[in-house]
Amino acid sequence: MTSVAGTPQTAAVPETPGDLSAAHLHPHPALAALTVGAIGVVFGDIGTSPLYAFREALGQTSAGGIDPTEILGVLSLALWSLFLVVTVKYVIFLMRADNQGEGGVLALAALARRALGMRSRIAIVLGAAGASLFYGDAIITPALSVLSAMEGLRTIPSAAHIFNEGVVRALTIAILIGLFLIQSRGTAQVSKLFGPVCILWFVAIGALGIWHIADEPSIVRVFLPTYGISFLATHGVTGLFVLGAVFLTVTGAEALTADMGHFGKLPIRIGWFFLVFPALALNYLGQGAFALSRLEDAAARGVPFVNQDWFFLMAPESLRPALIILAGFATVIASQAVITGAFSLTQQAIQLGLLPRLRIRQTSAVFAGQIYLPAINWLLLIGVLVLVIQFKTSSAMAAAYGIAVTGTMVVTTLLAYIVVRHRWNWSRPLALTAILPFLTLDLIFFGANILRVIEGGWVPLVIAAAIGLIIFTWVRGKKIVSAFEKRQSIPLSDLASALEKRPPERVSGTAVFLTGNPHATPGALLHNLKHNKVLHERNLIVSIRTADRPFVDEASRAKVERVDENFSIVVLTYGFMESPDVPRDLGVGNKTEQLGLDPMRTSFFIGRNTLKPDAEKGMPPWQDRIFLFLQRNASDPTDFLKIPPGKVLELGEQVTV
């Protein structure tokens, strides 16, 4: 088992005027193009919620029969949830709390950590919790979305006997496998279609809503919050179960902040206010009006009212196949956005030191955000397939969905309080006044979804707990290893003084020693002197730091400090959304750069310590085994740091953890 020195360390690096943000990818893009792109990526998840959200919420009331006031109450709760959670909390408030244009739970955690300074542990713990919950969401979203779209096939009377539950499930599995298989090729080309397809989707669902609103125009009264409040007041525990299902209408809201760095705030806000929110509201109103008309028809004929797949049944039978195909494309796009988000979040977690190094492939030479992580891709696919096979229907799976998202929202709100209080320097009363209403709303939804743990809500909790354990073990194990290396190290200045008195034999060329602590002598350097008894004519002690911001200007990348004629210290700083490239940033092969190293005369030395578990100290044996497994399966540092394999020498010793 090995531990590698020189991998990225997290540091609160001061901001500089040269810091970059979303402008990295879009220097002067057309607002219309960015808005179309945002509609295709940001709103895919929340945009496909009408497939199942109203059906599931209404289904929670159906045990004792449904009356018109219950339909109106459920619909009122859905619309006000969209307004309060998405519009007020995310679009108006949280999108202001960006980290140099970037959003999402880890970007917010990094911003909060910078604001807290020495008290930053709470921000990291919250960020790790939010990231852990996100992975549960990332597994459920593709399974639920695609399966709910394919279930629309069963609403076609002439084909219902063909598309039974097993066939629908097989089609869903085939689509999902195909989606994950193409990830390694990148999605830069097909992603150009995401925006236009999603615009067509929102226009279609809005038009369906308008068509049925015309049958029952009085449905617009549900904009009065009294219908929702009255429903909760009169339905007790059932009202909480309904509220948990109503939350499905806002799942995907977190993407509004997570994707800010790709599209900017204005395009996302334009897309929400002028297309997405109106289309969703109209569709939910249409589903409510349609359900009311069916309820009245059932009462007139004296037959029981049955909760149905309202979304697809709204469409005329002749148009239903086209709607199902469009829904299939929309749910695949929503799934793609979540998969891409999982890749991006993992890259950030690695850079921030929360997860071990994983193999990261750039799939586009043009777009920096187009990355592929094989390990995450296959783990997500396995999880998604297990969910489809285990739960069988979207209704069964819906119970598992909300709890991960509500948990992430609670974490986001707590991080927002830290930013508002300590970064924006609001007074405590003002910060609490701004945050407490949002936190109260989040906790109400979280509590409502906790009631559904037995029905399936345990799934994302188990996934989040497993990821959280991995993060905790990795951070703790690295801390133990770092402490050992610190105890064993000697100051670089002391070594430099000793070598002046007793100089070793010199060899030509440049030696680059990678280390976590630039002012301590790297273990690889000591081993080289001890066993090879030589010193290169030029020696660079290189340390890699990760800033609490997404990007670092190239001009601020390398800081060089000359120790003496033998040694120089180089600190390379990267943003948490960037991938290290050590040879490039040391100027290997580029003599115009500050360091300008000759590639034929440069060797890289990496300290690779062999780890051995110690039952007497450090972590418990079971946690030692987890840490050693993670260390063993981490990607090779030469790949992660983009160092040519033929230029690397590895030296080390045994370390107990």
Foldseek 3Di string as FASTA:
>chain_A
DKDWFFAAEADADDDDPQWAFLCVQPVDDDLVLLLLLCLLQQCLQLLLLLQPLLLLLLVLVPPVADDLLSLLQLLLLLLVCCCVVQVVPQLPPVLVQAFNQAFDLLLLLLLLLSLVPPVSPVSVLLSLLLLLLLLLQLLLLLLLQLLSLLCLQCVQVVCVVVCDLVNSLVVSLVVLVVLLVCLVQFCVVVSSCSSVLSLVSLVVLLVLLVVQCVVPVVSVVSPPSVSNVVSCVPPPLSNLLSLLSSCSSCPSSSSLRRCRSNRHSVSSSCSCPPTRSSSSSSNSSSLSSVLNVQVVVCVVVVHGRDRDSSSLVSDPSVCSVVSSVSSNVSSSSNSVSSLLSSLQSVLLCCNNQLAFAFFKAANDPNGLSSIDTVVSSVVSSVSNSCLCVVQSHSSLSSLQNRLSRLSSQLSSLVSVLSCVCRVVVDPPVVSCVVRVVSNVVSVSNNVSSVVSCVSRNVSSVVSSVVSSLNSVLSVQVVVQVVVVCVVPWDFPLVVVVVCVVPPWAEDEFEEEERRADQGTDDPQVVVCCVPVVYAYQEYEYEHEYEHSHAADRLVPQWDWAASDSHYIYIYGYGYSSDFAAVCVSCQAVNCVDPNNGDVVRYAYEMEMEAEDEDCVDRDHPVSVVSNVVSVVPHDDVCSRNVPPPVRYDYHYYYDYD
